[in-house]
Protein backbone atom coordinates (compact mmCIF):
# COMPACT_ATOMS: atom_id res chain seq x y z
CA UNK A 1 -13.65 222.95 173.36
CA UNK A 2 -13.02 219.43 172.07
CA UNK A 3 -14.50 217.89 175.22
CA UNK A 4 -17.51 220.19 174.93
CA UNK A 5 -18.17 219.04 171.37
CA UNK A 6 -17.87 215.38 172.41
CA UNK A 7 -20.49 215.82 175.12
CA UNK A 8 -22.61 217.90 172.76
CA UNK A 9 -22.61 215.04 170.24
CA UNK A 10 -23.59 212.53 172.93
CA UNK A 11 -26.43 214.69 174.20
CA UNK A 12 -27.83 215.50 170.79
CA UNK A 13 -28.43 211.82 170.15
CA UNK A 14 -29.82 211.11 173.62
CA UNK A 15 -32.13 212.92 173.92
CA UNK A 16 -53.00 208.39 160.31
CA UNK A 17 -55.02 206.04 158.33
CA UNK A 18 -56.54 202.72 159.36
CA UNK A 19 -56.25 201.58 162.94
CA UNK A 20 -56.28 198.22 164.63
CA UNK A 21 -56.81 197.11 168.21
CA UNK A 22 -54.73 194.08 169.05
CA UNK A 23 -54.73 191.57 171.89
CA UNK A 24 -54.50 192.59 175.52
CA UNK A 25 -51.03 192.54 177.01
CA UNK A 26 -50.20 189.25 178.64
CA UNK A 27 -49.92 189.93 182.41
CA UNK A 28 -47.42 187.09 182.65
CA UNK A 29 -45.19 188.72 180.06
CA UNK A 30 -44.96 192.25 181.44
CA UNK A 31 -42.29 194.13 179.50
CA UNK A 32 -42.46 197.58 181.13
CA UNK A 33 -39.91 199.12 183.49
CA UNK A 34 -42.63 200.01 186.00
CA UNK A 35 -45.00 197.87 188.08
CA UNK A 36 -48.28 196.82 186.48
CA UNK A 37 -51.44 198.32 187.92
CA UNK A 38 -54.49 196.18 188.65
CA UNK A 39 -56.78 199.19 188.11
CA UNK A 40 -56.49 199.40 184.32
CA UNK A 41 -56.79 197.23 181.24
CA UNK A 42 -54.08 197.42 178.59
CA UNK A 43 -54.33 196.67 174.88
CA UNK A 44 -51.66 196.75 172.20
CA UNK A 45 -52.89 198.92 169.32
CA UNK A 46 -51.58 200.10 165.97
CA UNK A 47 -52.51 202.92 163.60
CA UNK A 48 -50.98 204.74 160.65
CA UNK A 49 -49.81 208.33 160.41
CA UNK A 50 -50.17 210.42 157.26
CA UNK A 51 -46.79 209.25 156.02
CA UNK A 52 -47.97 205.64 156.00
CA UNK A 53 -45.86 204.66 158.99
CA UNK A 54 -47.54 202.22 161.38
CA UNK A 55 -47.32 203.39 164.97
CA UNK A 56 -47.66 200.89 167.81
CA UNK A 57 -48.91 201.86 171.24
CA UNK A 58 -50.36 200.61 174.50
CA UNK A 59 -53.92 201.74 175.24
CA UNK A 60 -54.61 202.04 178.98
CA UNK A 61 -58.29 201.99 179.97
CA UNK A 62 -59.71 202.33 183.49
CA UNK A 63 -61.57 199.21 184.54
CA UNK A 64 -65.37 199.27 184.85
CA UNK A 65 -65.99 202.31 182.64
CA UNK A 66 -69.33 200.77 181.58
CA UNK A 67 -70.80 202.74 178.65
CA UNK A 68 -69.31 206.09 179.53
CA UNK A 69 -67.28 208.02 176.98
CA UNK A 70 -64.09 209.21 178.63
CA UNK A 71 -61.53 211.91 177.91
CA UNK A 72 -58.29 210.63 176.40
CA UNK A 73 -54.61 211.59 176.41
CA UNK A 74 -51.90 210.63 173.89
CA UNK A 75 -48.43 210.38 175.43
CA UNK A 76 -44.93 209.95 174.03
CA UNK A 77 -41.30 210.52 174.97
CA UNK A 78 -38.66 210.95 176.17
CA UNK A 79 -36.53 211.38 173.03
CA UNK A 80 -34.96 207.97 172.40
CA UNK A 81 -37.23 206.12 174.82
CA UNK A 82 -40.02 203.59 174.24
CA UNK A 83 -43.61 203.29 175.44
CA UNK A 84 -42.44 200.73 178.00
CA UNK A 85 -40.51 203.44 179.85
CA UNK A 86 -41.59 206.90 181.08
CA UNK A 87 -44.54 207.44 178.71
CA UNK A 88 -46.07 204.15 179.82
CA UNK A 89 -45.71 205.11 183.47
CA UNK A 90 -47.48 208.42 182.80
CA UNK A 91 -50.17 206.64 180.78
CA UNK A 92 -50.87 203.99 183.41
CA UNK A 93 -50.95 206.52 186.24
CA UNK A 94 -53.36 208.84 184.42
CA UNK A 95 -55.55 205.89 183.42
CA UNK A 96 -55.84 205.05 187.11
CA UNK A 97 -57.21 208.57 187.52
CA UNK A 98 -60.01 208.19 184.99
CA UNK A 99 -58.55 208.89 181.53
CA UNK A 100 -58.10 206.58 178.57
CA UNK A 101 -54.45 206.98 177.68
CA UNK A 102 -52.26 205.97 174.77
CA UNK A 103 -48.49 205.59 175.15
CA UNK A 104 -46.99 205.13 171.69
CA UNK A 105 -43.63 204.53 170.04
CA UNK A 106 -42.72 207.31 167.58
CA UNK A 107 -41.99 206.60 163.92
CA UNK A 108 -38.81 204.63 163.18
CA UNK A 109 -38.40 203.53 166.82
CA UNK A 110 -39.54 200.83 169.24
CA UNK A 111 -42.26 198.60 167.82
CA UNK A 112 -43.41 201.23 165.31
CA UNK A 113 -42.47 200.86 161.65
CA UNK A 114 -40.37 203.06 159.39
CA UNK A 115 -37.09 202.55 157.59
CA UNK A 116 -34.29 203.22 158.19
CA UNK A 117 -34.49 202.64 161.91
CA UNK A 118 -33.54 205.13 164.64
CA UNK A 119 -34.43 208.29 162.70
CA UNK A 120 -36.02 211.44 164.15
CA UNK A 121 -37.77 214.23 162.27
CA UNK A 122 -39.33 217.52 163.45
CA UNK A 123 -42.16 217.06 160.95
CA UNK A 124 -42.88 213.36 161.27
CA UNK A 125 -42.61 213.27 165.05
CA UNK A 126 -45.07 216.17 165.29
CA UNK A 127 -47.38 214.27 162.92
CA UNK A 128 -47.11 211.23 165.22
CA UNK A 129 -49.07 213.12 167.88
CA UNK A 130 -51.80 214.11 165.42
CA UNK A 131 -51.99 210.50 164.20
CA UNK A 132 -52.54 209.44 167.81
CA UNK A 133 -55.37 211.97 168.02
CA UNK A 134 -56.81 210.47 164.79
CA UNK A 135 -56.85 207.06 166.45
CA UNK A 136 -58.30 208.20 169.77
CA UNK A 137 -60.99 210.29 168.06
CA UNK A 138 -62.40 207.16 166.45
CA UNK A 139 -62.71 204.95 169.53
CA UNK A 140 -66.27 204.28 170.71
CA UNK A 141 -65.48 204.74 174.40
CA UNK A 142 -63.69 208.09 173.90
CA UNK A 143 -65.23 211.55 173.65
CA UNK A 144 -63.53 213.01 170.56
CA UNK A 145 -64.09 216.54 171.89
CA UNK A 146 -62.05 215.79 175.01
CA UNK A 147 -58.59 214.76 173.82
CA UNK A 148 -55.28 216.03 175.18
CA UNK A 149 -51.63 215.19 174.68
CA UNK A 150 -48.59 214.91 176.93
CA UNK A 151 -44.99 214.98 175.72
CA UNK A 152 -41.90 214.16 177.76
CA UNK A 153 -38.40 215.54 177.08
CA UNK A 154 -37.91 215.99 173.31
CA UNK A 155 -41.49 214.92 172.72
CA UNK A 156 -42.58 217.79 174.93
CA UNK A 157 -41.37 220.06 172.14
CA UNK A 158 -43.17 217.99 169.50
CA UNK A 159 -46.35 218.01 171.64
CA UNK A 160 -46.28 221.80 171.87
CA UNK A 161 -45.60 221.96 168.14
CA UNK A 162 -48.57 219.68 167.46
CA UNK A 163 -50.81 221.77 169.72
CA UNK A 164 -49.95 224.85 167.65
CA UNK A 165 -51.24 223.09 164.51
CA UNK A 166 -53.91 220.59 165.61
CA UNK A 167 -56.96 222.36 167.03
CA UNK A 168 -58.50 219.02 168.09
CA UNK A 169 -55.97 218.98 170.94
CA UNK A 170 -57.91 220.62 173.75
CA UNK A 171 -55.09 220.56 176.31
CA UNK A 172 -51.36 219.89 176.20
CA UNK A 173 -48.83 219.08 178.91
CA UNK A 174 -45.07 219.14 178.47
CA UNK A 175 -42.81 217.53 181.04
CA UNK A 176 -39.07 218.32 181.24
CA UNK A 177 -39.30 219.65 177.67
CA UNK A 178 -36.49 219.85 175.12
CA UNK A 179 -36.61 221.95 171.96
CA UNK A 180 -34.79 219.50 169.69
CA UNK A 181 -34.43 221.99 166.86
CA UNK A 182 -32.80 224.56 169.12
CA UNK A 183 -30.37 222.17 170.76
CA UNK A 184 -29.31 220.64 167.45
CA UNK A 185 -28.81 224.01 165.78
CA UNK A 186 -27.33 225.96 168.68
CA UNK A 187 -25.92 223.37 171.06
CA UNK A 188 -26.57 223.33 174.77
CA UNK A 189 -27.13 226.75 176.32
CA UNK A 190 -26.87 228.16 172.76
CA UNK A 191 -23.09 227.79 172.88
CA UNK A 192 -22.64 226.82 169.22
CA UNK A 193 -21.73 229.73 166.96
CA UNK A 194 -22.27 229.96 163.21
CA UNK A 195 -18.76 228.74 162.38
CA UNK A 196 -19.12 225.65 164.58
CA UNK A 197 -22.58 224.93 163.18
CA UNK A 198 -21.24 225.14 159.63
CA UNK A 199 -18.46 222.69 160.50
CA UNK A 200 -21.07 220.36 161.98
CA UNK A 201 -23.16 220.54 158.79
CA UNK A 202 -20.07 219.84 156.70
CA UNK A 203 -19.30 216.73 158.72
CA UNK A 204 -22.89 215.49 158.65
CA UNK A 205 -23.25 215.99 154.90
CA UNK A 206 -19.95 214.24 154.31
CA UNK A 207 -21.40 211.36 156.29
CA UNK A 208 -24.46 211.34 154.02
CA UNK A 209 -22.16 210.67 151.06
CA UNK A 210 -20.52 207.80 152.92
CA UNK A 211 -23.88 206.40 153.99
CA UNK A 212 -25.09 206.29 150.40
CA UNK A 213 -21.89 204.65 149.22
CA UNK A 214 -21.96 202.07 152.01
CA UNK A 215 -25.73 201.48 151.73
CA UNK A 216 -26.05 201.89 155.48
CA UNK A 217 -26.49 204.65 158.04
CA UNK A 218 -23.74 205.52 160.47
CA UNK A 219 -24.80 205.82 164.08
CA UNK A 220 -24.15 208.75 166.35
CA UNK A 221 -22.42 208.52 169.70
CA UNK A 222 -24.81 207.49 172.47
CA UNK A 223 -24.47 207.00 176.18
CA UNK A 224 -21.36 205.09 177.25
CA UNK A 225 -21.68 201.56 178.58
CA UNK A 226 -19.71 202.67 181.64
CA UNK A 227 -19.12 206.04 183.25
CA UNK A 228 -15.65 207.45 183.87
CA UNK A 229 -16.84 209.87 186.53
CA UNK A 230 -15.75 212.89 184.49
CA UNK A 231 -19.06 213.30 182.67
CA UNK A 232 -21.36 216.28 183.38
CA UNK A 233 -23.96 215.53 186.04
CA UNK A 234 -26.83 215.43 183.56
CA UNK A 235 -25.04 212.75 181.51
CA UNK A 236 -24.74 210.74 184.71
CA UNK A 237 -28.45 211.32 185.31
CA UNK A 238 -29.35 210.02 181.84
CA UNK A 239 -27.09 207.01 182.34
CA UNK A 240 -28.69 206.28 185.71
CA UNK A 241 -32.06 205.94 184.01
CA UNK A 242 -31.37 204.36 180.64
CA UNK A 243 -28.43 202.09 181.45
CA UNK A 244 -29.56 200.61 184.76
CA UNK A 245 -32.41 198.38 185.91
CA UNK A 246 -34.31 201.54 186.79
CA UNK A 247 -35.18 202.31 183.17
CA UNK A 248 -33.29 200.03 180.75
CA UNK A 249 -35.34 198.59 177.91
CA UNK A 250 -33.98 196.57 175.05
CA UNK A 251 -35.89 198.53 172.39
CA UNK A 252 -34.94 201.93 173.73
CA UNK A 253 -32.39 203.76 171.56
CA UNK A 254 -30.88 205.43 174.61
CA UNK A 255 -30.62 202.13 176.47
CA UNK A 256 -29.50 199.81 173.74
CA UNK A 257 -28.68 201.67 170.53
CA UNK A 258 -27.84 204.94 168.82
CA UNK A 259 -29.65 207.48 166.67
CA UNK A 260 -28.67 207.79 163.02
CA UNK A 261 -25.97 210.43 162.92
CA UNK A 262 -27.48 212.51 160.12
CA UNK A 263 -30.89 212.95 161.80
CA UNK A 264 -29.58 216.22 163.22
CA UNK A 265 -29.65 217.92 159.82
CA UNK A 266 -33.42 218.26 159.57
CA UNK A 267 -33.62 219.73 163.08
CA UNK A 268 -30.93 222.31 162.26
CA UNK A 269 -32.83 223.38 159.15
CA UNK A 270 -36.46 223.23 160.33
CA UNK A 271 -37.19 224.78 163.74
CA UNK A 272 -40.27 223.74 165.67
CA UNK A 273 -42.54 226.05 167.74
CA UNK A 274 -42.72 228.71 165.00
CA UNK A 275 -46.45 229.24 165.68
CA UNK A 276 -46.69 228.23 169.33
CA UNK A 277 -47.82 231.78 170.14
CA UNK A 278 -51.08 230.95 168.32
CA UNK A 279 -52.08 228.07 170.64
CA UNK A 280 -55.49 228.95 172.04
CA UNK A 281 -56.15 225.82 174.08
CA UNK A 282 -54.71 225.17 177.52
CA UNK A 283 -51.03 224.36 178.09
CA UNK A 284 -49.24 223.21 181.24
CA UNK A 285 -45.44 223.15 181.12
CA UNK A 286 -43.59 221.28 183.90
CA UNK A 287 -39.86 221.37 184.53
CA UNK A 288 -37.41 220.58 187.31
CA UNK A 289 -35.78 223.39 189.27
CA UNK A 290 -32.35 221.80 188.90
CA UNK A 291 -32.73 220.49 185.34
CA UNK A 292 -30.00 221.48 182.88
CA UNK A 293 -32.80 221.79 180.29
CA UNK A 294 -35.00 224.16 182.28
CA UNK A 295 -34.36 227.07 179.92
CA UNK A 296 -36.16 225.25 177.08
CA UNK A 297 -39.47 225.36 178.95
CA UNK A 298 -38.96 228.84 180.34
CA UNK A 299 -38.21 230.34 176.93
CA UNK A 300 -41.01 228.41 175.18
CA UNK A 301 -43.48 229.54 177.86
CA UNK A 302 -42.63 233.21 177.29
CA UNK A 303 -43.96 232.89 173.74
CA UNK A 304 -47.35 231.49 174.77
CA UNK A 305 -50.36 233.81 175.04
CA UNK A 306 -53.55 233.67 177.07
CA UNK A 307 -54.48 233.10 180.69
CA UNK A 308 -54.87 229.33 180.22
CA UNK A 309 -51.10 228.71 180.08
CA UNK A 310 -49.01 227.75 183.11
CA UNK A 311 -45.36 226.99 183.85
CA UNK A 312 -44.76 224.80 186.90
CA UNK A 313 -41.21 224.46 188.28
CA UNK A 314 -40.74 221.42 190.54
CA UNK A 315 -38.51 222.23 193.49
CA UNK A 316 -35.38 220.11 193.76
CA UNK A 317 -36.07 218.07 190.61
CA UNK A 318 -33.53 217.44 187.85
CA UNK A 319 -34.35 216.57 184.23
CA UNK A 320 -34.60 212.79 184.69
CA UNK A 321 -36.58 212.99 187.95
CA UNK A 322 -39.63 213.79 185.83
CA UNK A 323 -39.24 210.51 183.93
CA UNK A 324 -40.19 208.24 186.82
CA UNK A 325 -39.78 209.81 190.26
CA UNK A 326 -43.30 209.56 191.68
CA UNK A 327 -42.37 211.96 194.48
CA UNK A 328 -41.45 214.63 191.93
CA UNK A 329 -43.90 214.16 189.04
CA UNK A 330 -46.95 216.31 189.95
CA UNK A 331 -49.65 213.84 188.91
CA UNK A 332 -52.28 215.56 191.08
CA UNK A 333 -51.67 218.79 189.19
CA UNK A 334 -51.67 217.02 185.80
CA UNK A 335 -54.94 215.25 186.65
CA UNK A 336 -56.60 218.50 187.72
CA UNK A 337 -55.35 220.31 184.61
CA UNK A 338 -56.74 217.71 182.22
CA UNK A 339 -60.05 217.36 184.07
CA UNK A 340 -60.58 221.13 184.01
CA UNK A 341 -59.65 221.50 180.35
CA UNK A 342 -61.16 218.31 178.93
CA UNK A 343 -64.65 218.96 180.25
């Protein structure tokens, strides 16, 4: 039981207003974990959400679009990652296929503002997607009636939550989705009972008192710097992405930091996806056959209504494969889905 709680703690932490377009990214100072494409232009942009937090993103635009107004997609995730990791790879790939895409850092993380740092919130992180839609809707080369969103891992849950509230979102894709409220409140595979949850809340609220006294915020336990070999396979999978050359980025919480310990409290108390059954626009949910997190997508999909919803299980894929494995991520399917639903 003690070992279970240790791994539970590790895994819980793993996983607008005015806008401004900034200078194009310097091709000689490429800071992404994936190879730069010569088929798209990239600009650093910033915009504010309704909480006054400045979000920073990379805007990927297909070259030679002339005067055409294109459909657009806002992308974020995984939980604890930056726009230079998986979301940027998705954004660049979909821009190559004819969409204007925005990969952005969520509030309190990466290059986005917000204090204290390394905080997550079911409300604010849902708002981040709507703020991205605000920004995209006001760009001259984007058709504001053809905007979709794509969320990876924990931001798959926030994307679905945003789609249940923001009717401007005409199509939503989730990839290897986590329900962060569910996993924080119930533990993995819903193994946390009421007694254990109460003990967790006691410990977290005790930490709040200490944080106030110390005028700082204690960090949770993140991924280890080295593996012992005794970790569950999905911890090894996370480590293989975030802690190696494959996906390490200095601004990524999962690569080079830790979430604030008490962030879990808001997720325990405020579940997301309460009104996901009311989503009328199209939804595509993608998950790996062998992902430990597969049940999050399967259960969330059961709640959706309408014949424009689809769950796609990728044979042989684990959770992290859908971060960057180009042989596993179904980009052809994602492209077709957005083109059909962002007409």
